[in-house]
Amino acid sequence: MGEETSVIGRRCERAVVTAYRDLRQLGSDDMMAFQACTTLYRIHHPESSLNEARRLVAEWIDHHVVREAGGPTEGCACA
């Protein structure tokens, strides 16, 4: 897992990616970290369905952690 290479504009996105990286570094398995981050997203966005939260969290983890891509991602409309 690499260092964050881009600035993440959305607070919820930044919180999810940071939490995922930290949990994985501390020894949590992928699914446990993913579930925790889905819960975290839903705390930021209680109006979000579980499926929507899972999709966004998976997209953000893939973009920022797996592919280590820079630039903006699709996602929620918050700042």
C-alpha atoms as a PDB file:
ATOM      1  CA  MET A   1       0.000   0.000   0.000  1.00  0.00           C
ATOM      2  CA  GLY A   2       1.521   3.236  -1.176  1.00  0.00           C
ATOM      3  CA  GLU A   3       1.404   6.701   0.213  1.00  0.00           C
ATOM      4  CA  GLU A   4      -1.430   8.960  -0.844  1.00  0.00           C
ATOM      5  CA  THR A   5      -0.343  10.623  -4.070  1.00  0.00           C
ATOM      6  CA  SER A   6      -3.291  12.925  -4.696  1.00  0.00           C
ATOM      7  CA  VAL A   7      -5.344  15.337  -2.671  1.00  0.00           C
ATOM      8  CA  ILE A   8      -8.785  13.928  -1.964  1.00  0.00           C
ATOM      9  CA  GLY A   9     -11.364  16.686  -1.988  1.00  0.00           C
ATOM     10  CA  ARG A  10     -14.319  14.994  -0.312  1.00  0.00           C
ATOM     11  CA  ARG A  11     -14.032  14.596   3.455  1.00  0.00           C
ATOM     12  CA  CYS A  12     -15.953  11.312   3.405  1.00  0.00           C
ATOM     13  CA  GLU A  13     -13.742   9.919   0.639  1.00  0.00           C
ATOM     14  CA  ARG A  14     -10.578  10.986   2.462  1.00  0.00           C
ATOM     15  CA  ALA A  15     -11.871   9.448   5.710  1.00  0.00           C
ATOM     16  CA  VAL A  16     -12.717   6.152   3.983  1.00  0.00           C
ATOM     17  CA  VAL A  17      -9.364   5.832   2.202  1.00  0.00           C
ATOM     18  CA  THR A  18      -7.387   6.797   5.308  1.00  0.00           C
ATOM     19  CA  ALA A  19      -9.342   4.384   7.501  1.00  0.00           C
ATOM     20  CA  TYR A  20      -8.925   1.546   5.005  1.00  0.00           C
ATOM     21  CA  ARG A  21      -5.169   2.056   4.764  1.00  0.00           C
ATOM     22  CA  ASP A  22      -4.789   2.325   8.532  1.00  0.00           C
ATOM     23  CA  LEU A  23      -6.889  -0.753   9.245  1.00  0.00           C
ATOM     24  CA  ARG A  24      -4.987  -2.837   6.700  1.00  0.00           C
ATOM     25  CA  GLN A  25      -1.656  -1.627   8.066  1.00  0.00           C
ATOM     26  CA  LEU A  26      -2.758  -2.587  11.580  1.00  0.00           C
ATOM     27  CA  GLY A  27      -3.570  -6.124  10.441  1.00  0.00           C
ATOM     28  CA  SER A  28      -7.276  -6.136   9.613  1.00  0.00           C
ATOM     29  CA  ASP A  29      -8.175  -8.350   6.699  1.00  0.00           C
ATOM     30  CA  ASP A  30      -9.588  -6.831   3.534  1.00  0.00           C
ATOM     31  CA  MET A  31     -13.234  -7.659   4.217  1.00  0.00           C
ATOM     32  CA  MET A  32     -13.184  -6.364   7.784  1.00  0.00           C
ATOM     33  CA  ALA A  33     -11.553  -3.107   6.662  1.00  0.00           C
ATOM     34  CA  PHE A  34     -14.044  -2.784   3.786  1.00  0.00           C
ATOM     35  CA  GLN A  35     -17.031  -3.322   6.097  1.00  0.00           C
ATOM     36  CA  ALA A  36     -15.704  -0.788   8.604  1.00  0.00           C
ATOM     37  CA  CYS A  37     -15.225   1.759   5.824  1.00  0.00           C
ATOM     38  CA  THR A  38     -18.722   1.135   4.501  1.00  0.00           C
ATOM     39  CA  THR A  39     -20.047   1.869   7.985  1.00  0.00           C
ATOM     40  CA  LEU A  40     -17.887   4.992   8.165  1.00  0.00           C
ATOM     41  CA  TYR A  41     -19.273   6.218   4.846  1.00  0.00           C
ATOM     42  CA  ARG A  42     -22.830   5.670   6.081  1.00  0.00           C
ATOM     43  CA  ILE A  43     -22.062   7.730   9.190  1.00  0.00           C
ATOM     44  CA  HIS A  44     -21.106  10.609   6.877  1.00  0.00           C
ATOM     45  CA  HIS A  45     -24.105   9.861   4.623  1.00  0.00           C
ATOM     46  CA  PRO A  46     -26.958   8.215   6.563  1.00  0.00           C
ATOM     47  CA  GLU A  47     -29.248   8.771   3.574  1.00  0.00           C
ATOM     48  CA  SER A  48     -27.143   6.380   1.497  1.00  0.00           C
ATOM     49  CA  SER A  49     -28.301   2.826   0.902  1.00  0.00           C
ATOM     50  CA  LEU A  50     -25.995  -0.003   1.901  1.00  0.00           C
ATOM     51  CA  ASN A  51     -25.501  -0.932  -1.765  1.00  0.00           C
ATOM     52  CA  GLU A  52     -24.584   2.627  -2.719  1.00  0.00           C
ATOM     53  CA  ALA A  53     -22.128   2.848   0.176  1.00  0.00           C
ATOM     54  CA  ARG A  54     -20.505  -0.461  -0.788  1.00  0.00           C
ATOM     55  CA  ARG A  55     -20.163   0.631  -4.416  1.00  0.00           C
ATOM     56  CA  LEU A  56     -18.547   3.967  -3.567  1.00  0.00           C
ATOM     57  CA  VAL A  57     -16.207   2.527  -0.940  1.00  0.00           C
ATOM     58  CA  ALA A  58     -15.102  -0.208  -3.349  1.00  0.00           C
ATOM     59  CA  GLU A  59     -14.557   2.371  -6.105  1.00  0.00           C
ATOM     60  CA  TRP A  60     -12.509   4.639  -3.840  1.00  0.00           C
ATOM     61  CA  ILE A  61     -10.369   1.803  -2.471  1.00  0.00           C
ATOM     62  CA  ASP A  62      -9.738   0.543  -5.979  1.00  0.00           C
ATOM     63  CA  HIS A  63      -8.860   4.009  -7.259  1.00  0.00           C
ATOM     64  CA  HIS A  64      -6.679   5.273  -4.407  1.00  0.00           C
ATOM     65  CA  VAL A  65      -5.245   2.101  -2.847  1.00  0.00           C
ATOM     66  CA  VAL A  66      -5.203  -0.666  -5.441  1.00  0.00           C
ATOM     67  CA  ARG A  67      -4.403   1.360  -8.574  1.00  0.00           C
ATOM     68  CA  GLU A  68      -2.783   4.268  -6.692  1.00  0.00           C
ATOM     69  CA  ALA A  69      -4.386   6.578  -9.250  1.00  0.00           C
ATOM     70  CA  GLY A  70      -4.402  10.338  -8.908  1.00  0.00           C
ATOM     71  CA  GLY A  71      -7.151  12.698  -9.815  1.00  0.00           C
ATOM     72  CA  PRO A  72     -10.802  12.895  -8.933  1.00  0.00           C
ATOM     73  CA  THR A  73     -13.194   9.982  -8.679  1.00  0.00           C
ATOM     74  CA  GLU A  74     -16.911   9.613  -9.215  1.00  0.00           C
ATOM     75  CA  GLY A  75     -18.874   9.633  -6.034  1.00  0.00           C
ATOM     76  CA  CYS A  76     -21.114  11.576  -3.769  1.00  0.00           C
ATOM     77  CA  ALA A  77     -21.845  15.255  -4.332  1.00  0.00           C
ATOM     78  CA  CYS A  78     -20.501  16.525  -1.023  1.00  0.00           C
ATOM     79  CA  ALA A  79     -17.360  18.629  -0.633  1.00  0.00           C
END
